[in-house]
């Protein structure tokens, strides 16, 4: 037997085994349908972003997604919502995208406050080293 015949026999046997498992085909079809829906939604999102962002802004957004995926995803969602509400007219430039990112970053950053209680950290006179040699 050559390799092609052996491969055909294996594929036929695999399909027979998969067909004999109850619910396998239904699960496989559901998974394929879910995957297709995800791809369609991703394509729709990419098309919308291509319509509202110019080339430089799109490159900036992709860079942000690589560095900080959750922030990039949030920014994409926000841009799509703004476009759906009619707040974005025409193509957005990189500088406009930077402005939006600065506003969003300003809202997301939390102020960190560090307080020192110097009364506890001051050495007592009893703790000082005795340098009499």
N, C-alpha and C. Protein backbone atom coordinates (compact mmCIF):
# COMPACT_ATOMS: atom_id res chain seq x y z
N UNK A 1 0.85 -1.19 0.00
CA UNK A 1 0.00 0.00 0.00
C UNK A 1 0.89 1.24 0.00
N UNK A 2 0.47 2.19 -0.80
CA UNK A 2 1.24 3.43 -0.76
C UNK A 2 0.60 4.39 0.23
N UNK A 3 1.25 5.50 0.41
CA UNK A 3 0.84 6.46 1.45
C UNK A 3 -0.55 7.05 1.20
N UNK A 4 -0.92 7.27 -0.04
CA UNK A 4 -2.22 7.86 -0.34
C UNK A 4 -3.36 6.91 0.02
N UNK A 5 -3.20 5.64 -0.27
CA UNK A 5 -4.24 4.66 0.06
C UNK A 5 -4.37 4.53 1.58
N UNK A 6 -3.23 4.50 2.25
CA UNK A 6 -3.25 4.39 3.71
C UNK A 6 -3.92 5.61 4.34
N UNK A 7 -3.61 6.78 3.81
CA UNK A 7 -4.22 8.01 4.33
C UNK A 7 -5.73 8.02 4.08
N UNK A 8 -6.17 7.53 2.95
CA UNK A 8 -7.60 7.46 2.63
C UNK A 8 -8.32 6.50 3.57
N UNK A 9 -7.69 5.37 3.86
CA UNK A 9 -8.28 4.40 4.80
C UNK A 9 -8.39 5.00 6.18
N UNK A 10 -7.34 5.70 6.63
CA UNK A 10 -7.36 6.34 7.96
C UNK A 10 -8.47 7.39 8.05
N UNK A 11 -8.60 8.21 7.01
CA UNK A 11 -9.63 9.26 7.01
C UNK A 11 -11.02 8.64 7.04
N UNK A 12 -11.23 7.56 6.28
CA UNK A 12 -12.53 6.89 6.26
C UNK A 12 -12.86 6.31 7.63
N UNK A 13 -11.87 5.68 8.26
CA UNK A 13 -12.08 5.07 9.59
C UNK A 13 -12.35 6.15 10.63
N UNK A 14 -11.63 7.25 10.54
CA UNK A 14 -11.83 8.35 11.49
C UNK A 14 -13.25 8.91 11.37
N UNK A 15 -13.73 9.07 10.14
CA UNK A 15 -15.08 9.59 9.96
C UNK A 15 -16.13 8.60 10.47
N UNK A 16 -15.86 7.30 10.32
CA UNK A 16 -16.78 6.29 10.87
C UNK A 16 -16.82 6.36 12.38
N UNK A 17 -15.64 6.49 13.00
CA UNK A 17 -15.59 6.57 14.46
C UNK A 17 -16.27 7.83 14.97
N UNK A 18 -16.05 8.94 14.31
CA UNK A 18 -16.68 10.19 14.73
C UNK A 18 -18.19 10.13 14.54
N UNK A 19 -18.65 9.45 13.51
CA UNK A 19 -20.08 9.30 13.27
C UNK A 19 -20.74 8.41 14.30
N UNK A 20 -19.98 7.49 14.88
CA UNK A 20 -20.55 6.57 15.86
C UNK A 20 -20.67 7.20 17.25
N UNK A 21 -19.99 8.30 17.48
CA UNK A 21 -20.07 8.98 18.78
C UNK A 21 -21.32 9.85 18.78
N UNK A 22 -22.27 9.60 19.72
CA UNK A 22 -23.50 10.39 19.73
C UNK A 22 -23.22 11.84 20.11
N UNK A 23 -23.80 12.73 19.35
CA UNK A 23 -23.67 14.15 19.65
C UNK A 23 -22.40 14.78 19.11
N UNK A 24 -21.49 14.00 18.54
CA UNK A 24 -20.23 14.57 18.05
C UNK A 24 -20.48 15.55 16.92
N UNK A 25 -21.29 15.15 15.96
CA UNK A 25 -21.55 16.02 14.81
C UNK A 25 -22.25 17.30 15.23
N UNK A 26 -23.17 17.20 16.18
CA UNK A 26 -23.89 18.40 16.64
C UNK A 26 -22.92 19.36 17.33
N UNK A 27 -22.03 18.81 18.17
CA UNK A 27 -21.06 19.66 18.86
C UNK A 27 -20.10 20.29 17.87
N UNK A 28 -19.69 19.51 16.89
CA UNK A 28 -18.76 20.01 15.89
C UNK A 28 -19.41 21.13 15.07
N UNK A 29 -20.68 20.96 14.71
CA UNK A 29 -21.38 21.98 13.94
C UNK A 29 -21.60 23.24 14.77
N UNK A 30 -21.90 23.08 16.06
CA UNK A 30 -22.08 24.24 16.94
C UNK A 30 -20.77 25.01 17.07
N UNK A 31 -19.68 24.28 17.23
CA UNK A 31 -18.37 24.93 17.36
C UNK A 31 -18.02 25.68 16.07
N UNK A 32 -18.31 25.07 14.93
CA UNK A 32 -18.05 25.73 13.65
C UNK A 32 -18.91 26.97 13.49
N UNK A 33 -20.17 26.89 13.89
CA UNK A 33 -21.07 28.04 13.79
C UNK A 33 -20.59 29.18 14.69
N UNK A 34 -20.16 28.84 15.90
CA UNK A 34 -19.63 29.86 16.82
C UNK A 34 -18.39 30.52 16.25
N UNK A 35 -17.50 29.71 15.70
CA UNK A 35 -16.27 30.23 15.12
C UNK A 35 -16.58 31.14 13.93
N UNK A 36 -17.54 30.77 13.14
CA UNK A 36 -17.95 31.59 11.99
C UNK A 36 -18.54 32.92 12.45
N UNK A 37 -19.33 32.90 13.51
CA UNK A 37 -19.90 34.15 14.05
C UNK A 37 -18.79 35.06 14.58
N UNK A 38 -17.80 34.47 15.25
CA UNK A 38 -16.68 35.26 15.76
C UNK A 38 -15.91 35.91 14.63
N UNK A 39 -15.66 35.14 13.56
CA UNK A 39 -14.93 35.68 12.42
C UNK A 39 -15.73 36.80 11.75
N UNK A 40 -17.04 36.62 11.63
CA UNK A 40 -17.87 37.65 11.00
C UNK A 40 -17.88 38.93 11.83
N UNK A 41 -17.97 38.80 13.14
CA UNK A 41 -17.96 39.97 14.02
C UNK A 41 -16.61 40.68 13.95
N UNK A 42 -15.52 39.91 13.92
CA UNK A 42 -14.18 40.50 13.83
C UNK A 42 -13.99 41.22 12.49
N UNK A 43 -14.49 40.62 11.41
CA UNK A 43 -14.40 41.27 10.10
C UNK A 43 -15.20 42.57 10.07
N UNK A 44 -16.40 42.55 10.67
CA UNK A 44 -17.23 43.75 10.71
C UNK A 44 -16.54 44.86 11.50
N UNK A 45 -15.92 44.48 12.63
CA UNK A 45 -15.23 45.46 13.46
C UNK A 45 -14.04 46.05 12.70
N UNK A 46 -13.27 45.19 12.02
CA UNK A 46 -12.12 45.67 11.26
C UNK A 46 -12.53 46.58 10.12
N UNK A 47 -13.63 46.25 9.45
CA UNK A 47 -14.13 47.12 8.37
C UNK A 47 -14.55 48.48 8.90
N UNK A 48 -15.22 48.50 10.03
CA UNK A 48 -15.66 49.76 10.60
C UNK A 48 -14.46 50.61 11.03
N UNK A 49 -13.47 49.96 11.65
CA UNK A 49 -12.28 50.71 12.06
C UNK A 49 -11.52 51.25 10.84
N UNK A 50 -11.50 50.49 9.76
CA UNK A 50 -10.84 50.95 8.54
C UNK A 50 -11.55 52.17 7.96
N UNK A 51 -12.85 52.26 8.15
CA UNK A 51 -13.62 53.39 7.64
C UNK A 51 -13.43 54.64 8.48
N UNK A 52 -13.20 54.49 9.78
CA UNK A 52 -13.14 55.67 10.65
C UNK A 52 -11.73 56.11 11.00
N UNK A 53 -10.70 55.28 10.73
CA UNK A 53 -9.33 55.64 11.06
C UNK A 53 -8.48 55.71 9.80
N UNK A 54 -7.59 56.72 9.74
CA UNK A 54 -6.66 56.74 8.62
C UNK A 54 -5.51 55.77 8.91
N UNK A 55 -4.59 55.65 7.97
CA UNK A 55 -3.55 54.63 8.04
C UNK A 55 -2.67 54.80 9.29
N UNK A 56 -2.26 56.03 9.60
CA UNK A 56 -1.40 56.27 10.76
C UNK A 56 -2.13 55.97 12.07
N UNK A 57 -3.38 56.36 12.15
CA UNK A 57 -4.16 56.10 13.36
C UNK A 57 -4.37 54.60 13.55
N UNK A 58 -4.59 53.91 12.45
CA UNK A 58 -4.78 52.45 12.52
C UNK A 58 -3.50 51.77 13.00
N UNK A 59 -2.34 52.25 12.53
CA UNK A 59 -1.05 51.71 12.97
C UNK A 59 -0.85 51.98 14.47
N UNK A 60 -1.22 53.17 14.91
CA UNK A 60 -1.10 53.52 16.33
C UNK A 60 -1.98 52.61 17.18
N UNK A 61 -3.20 52.37 16.73
CA UNK A 61 -4.12 51.50 17.47
C UNK A 61 -3.57 50.07 17.55
N UNK A 62 -3.01 49.58 16.46
CA UNK A 62 -2.42 48.24 16.48
C UNK A 62 -1.23 48.16 17.42
N UNK A 63 -0.43 49.22 17.48
CA UNK A 63 0.70 49.26 18.41
C UNK A 63 0.20 49.22 19.86
N UNK A 64 -0.86 49.95 20.13
CA UNK A 64 -1.43 49.96 21.48
C UNK A 64 -1.95 48.57 21.83
N UNK A 65 -2.60 47.91 20.87
CA UNK A 65 -3.13 46.57 21.13
C UNK A 65 -2.03 45.57 21.43
N UNK A 66 -0.87 45.73 20.80
CA UNK A 66 0.24 44.83 21.06
C UNK A 66 0.80 45.08 22.46
N UNK A 67 0.96 46.36 22.80
CA UNK A 67 1.56 46.70 24.10
C UNK A 67 0.60 46.43 25.26
N UNK A 68 -0.64 46.86 25.11
CA UNK A 68 -1.63 46.70 26.18
C UNK A 68 -2.94 46.23 25.55
N UNK A 69 -3.13 44.91 25.43
CA UNK A 69 -4.29 44.38 24.72
C UNK A 69 -5.64 44.84 25.28
N UNK A 70 -5.76 44.89 26.61
CA UNK A 70 -7.05 45.28 27.18
C UNK A 70 -7.36 46.75 26.90
N UNK A 71 -6.35 47.61 26.92
CA UNK A 71 -6.58 49.01 26.61
C UNK A 71 -6.89 49.20 25.12
N UNK A 72 -6.21 48.45 24.27
CA UNK A 72 -6.47 48.51 22.84
C UNK A 72 -7.88 48.06 22.50
N UNK A 73 -8.32 46.99 23.15
CA UNK A 73 -9.69 46.49 22.93
C UNK A 73 -10.72 47.52 23.40
N UNK A 74 -10.45 48.14 24.56
CA UNK A 74 -11.36 49.15 25.08
C UNK A 74 -11.43 50.34 24.13
N UNK A 75 -10.28 50.75 23.59
CA UNK A 75 -10.25 51.88 22.67
C UNK A 75 -10.98 51.56 21.37
N UNK A 76 -10.80 50.34 20.86
CA UNK A 76 -11.54 49.92 19.66
C UNK A 76 -13.04 49.98 19.89
N UNK A 77 -13.49 49.42 21.00
CA UNK A 77 -14.92 49.42 21.31
C UNK A 77 -15.45 50.84 21.43
N UNK A 78 -14.67 51.71 22.06
CA UNK A 78 -15.10 53.09 22.24
C UNK A 78 -15.19 53.81 20.90
N UNK A 79 -14.23 53.58 20.02
CA UNK A 79 -14.26 54.21 18.69
C UNK A 79 -15.47 53.75 17.88
N UNK A 80 -15.77 52.46 17.96
CA UNK A 80 -16.92 51.93 17.23
C UNK A 80 -18.22 52.53 17.77
N UNK A 81 -18.31 52.63 19.08
CA UNK A 81 -19.51 53.25 19.67
C UNK A 81 -19.64 54.71 19.26
N UNK A 82 -18.52 55.42 19.24
CA UNK A 82 -18.56 56.83 18.84
C UNK A 82 -19.00 56.96 17.38
N UNK A 83 -18.53 56.05 16.53
CA UNK A 83 -18.92 56.09 15.12
C UNK A 83 -20.40 55.76 14.95
N UNK A 84 -20.90 54.82 15.73
CA UNK A 84 -22.31 54.46 15.63
C UNK A 84 -23.21 55.58 16.11
N UNK A 85 -22.75 56.38 17.06
CA UNK A 85 -23.53 57.51 17.55
C UNK A 85 -23.40 58.74 16.67
N UNK A 86 -22.49 58.69 15.69
CA UNK A 86 -22.29 59.82 14.80
C UNK A 86 -21.34 60.85 15.34
N UNK A 87 -20.55 60.52 16.33
CA UNK A 87 -19.59 61.46 16.90
C UNK A 87 -18.32 61.55 16.06
N UNK A 88 -18.07 60.57 15.22
CA UNK A 88 -16.91 60.59 14.34
C UNK A 88 -17.41 60.75 12.91
N UNK A 89 -16.99 61.83 12.29
CA UNK A 89 -17.38 62.08 10.90
C UNK A 89 -16.09 62.09 10.08
N UNK A 90 -16.02 61.27 9.08
CA UNK A 90 -14.81 61.19 8.26
C UNK A 90 -13.77 60.32 8.93
N UNK A 91 -12.56 60.39 8.40
CA UNK A 91 -11.48 59.57 8.95
C UNK A 91 -10.76 60.33 10.06
N UNK A 92 -10.47 59.62 11.13
CA UNK A 92 -9.80 60.20 12.27
C UNK A 92 -8.29 60.10 12.07
N UNK A 93 -7.58 61.19 12.35
CA UNK A 93 -6.13 61.19 12.20
C UNK A 93 -5.47 60.63 13.45
N UNK A 94 -4.17 60.45 13.35
CA UNK A 94 -3.41 59.92 14.49
C UNK A 94 -3.43 60.89 15.66
N UNK A 95 -3.36 62.20 15.38
CA UNK A 95 -3.37 63.19 16.46
C UNK A 95 -4.71 63.19 17.20
N UNK A 96 -5.81 63.03 16.48
CA UNK A 96 -7.12 62.95 17.12
C UNK A 96 -7.22 61.69 17.98
N UNK A 97 -6.66 60.59 17.49
CA UNK A 97 -6.66 59.35 18.26
C UNK A 97 -5.82 59.52 19.53
N UNK A 98 -4.70 60.22 19.42
CA UNK A 98 -3.87 60.49 20.60
C UNK A 98 -4.65 61.31 21.63
N UNK A 99 -5.41 62.29 21.16
CA UNK A 99 -6.21 63.11 22.07
C UNK A 99 -7.24 62.29 22.81
N UNK A 100 -7.91 61.40 22.10
CA UNK A 100 -8.89 60.52 22.74
C UNK A 100 -8.20 59.61 23.74
N UNK A 101 -7.05 59.08 23.35
CA UNK A 101 -6.30 58.18 24.24
C UNK A 101 -5.85 58.91 25.50
N UNK A 102 -5.42 60.16 25.37
CA UNK A 102 -5.01 60.94 26.55
C UNK A 102 -6.18 61.18 27.49
N UNK A 103 -7.35 61.49 26.92
CA UNK A 103 -8.53 61.69 27.77
C UNK A 103 -8.91 60.41 28.51
N UNK A 104 -8.87 59.29 27.80
CA UNK A 104 -9.22 58.01 28.41
C UNK A 104 -8.17 57.63 29.45
N UNK A 105 -6.91 57.84 29.14
CA UNK A 105 -5.84 57.48 30.07
C UNK A 105 -5.92 58.32 31.34
N UNK A 106 -6.29 59.58 31.18
CA UNK A 106 -6.44 60.45 32.35
C UNK A 106 -7.54 59.96 33.28
N UNK A 107 -8.59 59.40 32.70
CA UNK A 107 -9.69 58.90 33.51
C UNK A 107 -9.33 57.57 34.18
N UNK A 108 -8.48 56.78 33.49
CA UNK A 108 -8.16 55.45 34.02
C UNK A 108 -7.10 55.46 35.09
N UNK A 109 -6.21 56.45 35.03
CA UNK A 109 -5.10 56.46 35.99
C UNK A 109 -5.63 56.81 37.38
N UNK A 110 -5.16 56.05 38.32
CA UNK A 110 -5.53 56.30 39.70
C UNK A 110 -4.38 57.01 40.38
N UNK A 111 -4.71 57.92 41.23
CA UNK A 111 -3.67 58.62 41.96
C UNK A 111 -3.17 57.71 43.08
N UNK A 112 -1.88 57.56 43.12
CA UNK A 112 -1.27 56.76 44.16
C UNK A 112 -0.75 57.70 45.23
N UNK A 113 -1.17 57.47 46.44
CA UNK A 113 -0.75 58.32 47.54
C UNK A 113 0.05 57.46 48.51
N UNK A 114 1.24 57.93 48.80
CA UNK A 114 2.10 57.23 49.75
C UNK A 114 2.29 58.14 50.95
N UNK A 115 1.94 57.63 52.11
CA UNK A 115 2.07 58.42 53.33
C UNK A 115 3.14 57.79 54.20
N UNK A 116 4.01 58.62 54.70
CA UNK A 116 5.05 58.16 55.61
C UNK A 116 4.68 58.61 57.01
N UNK A 117 4.71 57.70 57.92
CA UNK A 117 4.50 58.06 59.33
C UNK A 117 5.88 58.10 59.96
N UNK A 118 6.44 59.28 59.98
CA UNK A 118 7.83 59.45 60.41
C UNK A 118 8.02 59.21 61.90
N UNK A 119 6.95 59.28 62.64
CA UNK A 119 7.10 59.05 64.08
C UNK A 119 7.52 57.62 64.38
N UNK A 120 7.10 56.69 63.56
CA UNK A 120 7.45 55.29 63.79
C UNK A 120 8.83 54.94 63.25
N UNK A 121 9.29 55.67 62.28
CA UNK A 121 10.55 55.31 61.64
C UNK A 121 11.76 55.99 62.28
N UNK A 122 11.54 56.95 63.17
CA UNK A 122 12.66 57.64 63.80
C UNK A 122 13.26 56.72 64.86
N UNK A 123 14.58 56.66 64.86
CA UNK A 123 15.27 55.81 65.83
C UNK A 123 15.24 56.46 67.21
N UNK A 124 15.04 55.66 68.20
CA UNK A 124 15.12 56.15 69.57
C UNK A 124 16.58 56.30 69.95
N UNK A 125 16.82 57.06 70.99
CA UNK A 125 18.20 57.24 71.44
C UNK A 125 18.76 55.92 71.98
N UNK A 126 17.89 55.01 72.45
CA UNK A 126 18.34 53.73 72.96
C UNK A 126 18.83 52.82 71.82
N UNK A 127 18.34 53.06 70.62
CA UNK A 127 18.68 52.21 69.48
C UNK A 127 19.99 52.60 68.81
N UNK A 128 20.52 53.77 69.17
CA UNK A 128 21.73 54.24 68.52
C UNK A 128 22.90 53.36 68.90
N UNK A 129 23.83 53.28 67.99
CA UNK A 129 25.01 52.45 68.23
C UNK A 129 25.95 53.14 69.22
N UNK A 130 26.55 52.35 70.03
CA UNK A 130 27.52 52.88 70.99
C UNK A 130 28.89 52.77 70.34
N UNK A 131 29.51 53.90 70.07
CA UNK A 131 30.77 53.92 69.35
C UNK A 131 31.98 54.04 70.25
N UNK A 132 31.84 53.78 71.53
CA UNK A 132 32.99 53.84 72.44
C UNK A 132 33.85 52.61 72.22
N UNK A 133 35.05 52.86 71.77
CA UNK A 133 35.95 51.74 71.51
C UNK A 133 37.16 51.81 72.39
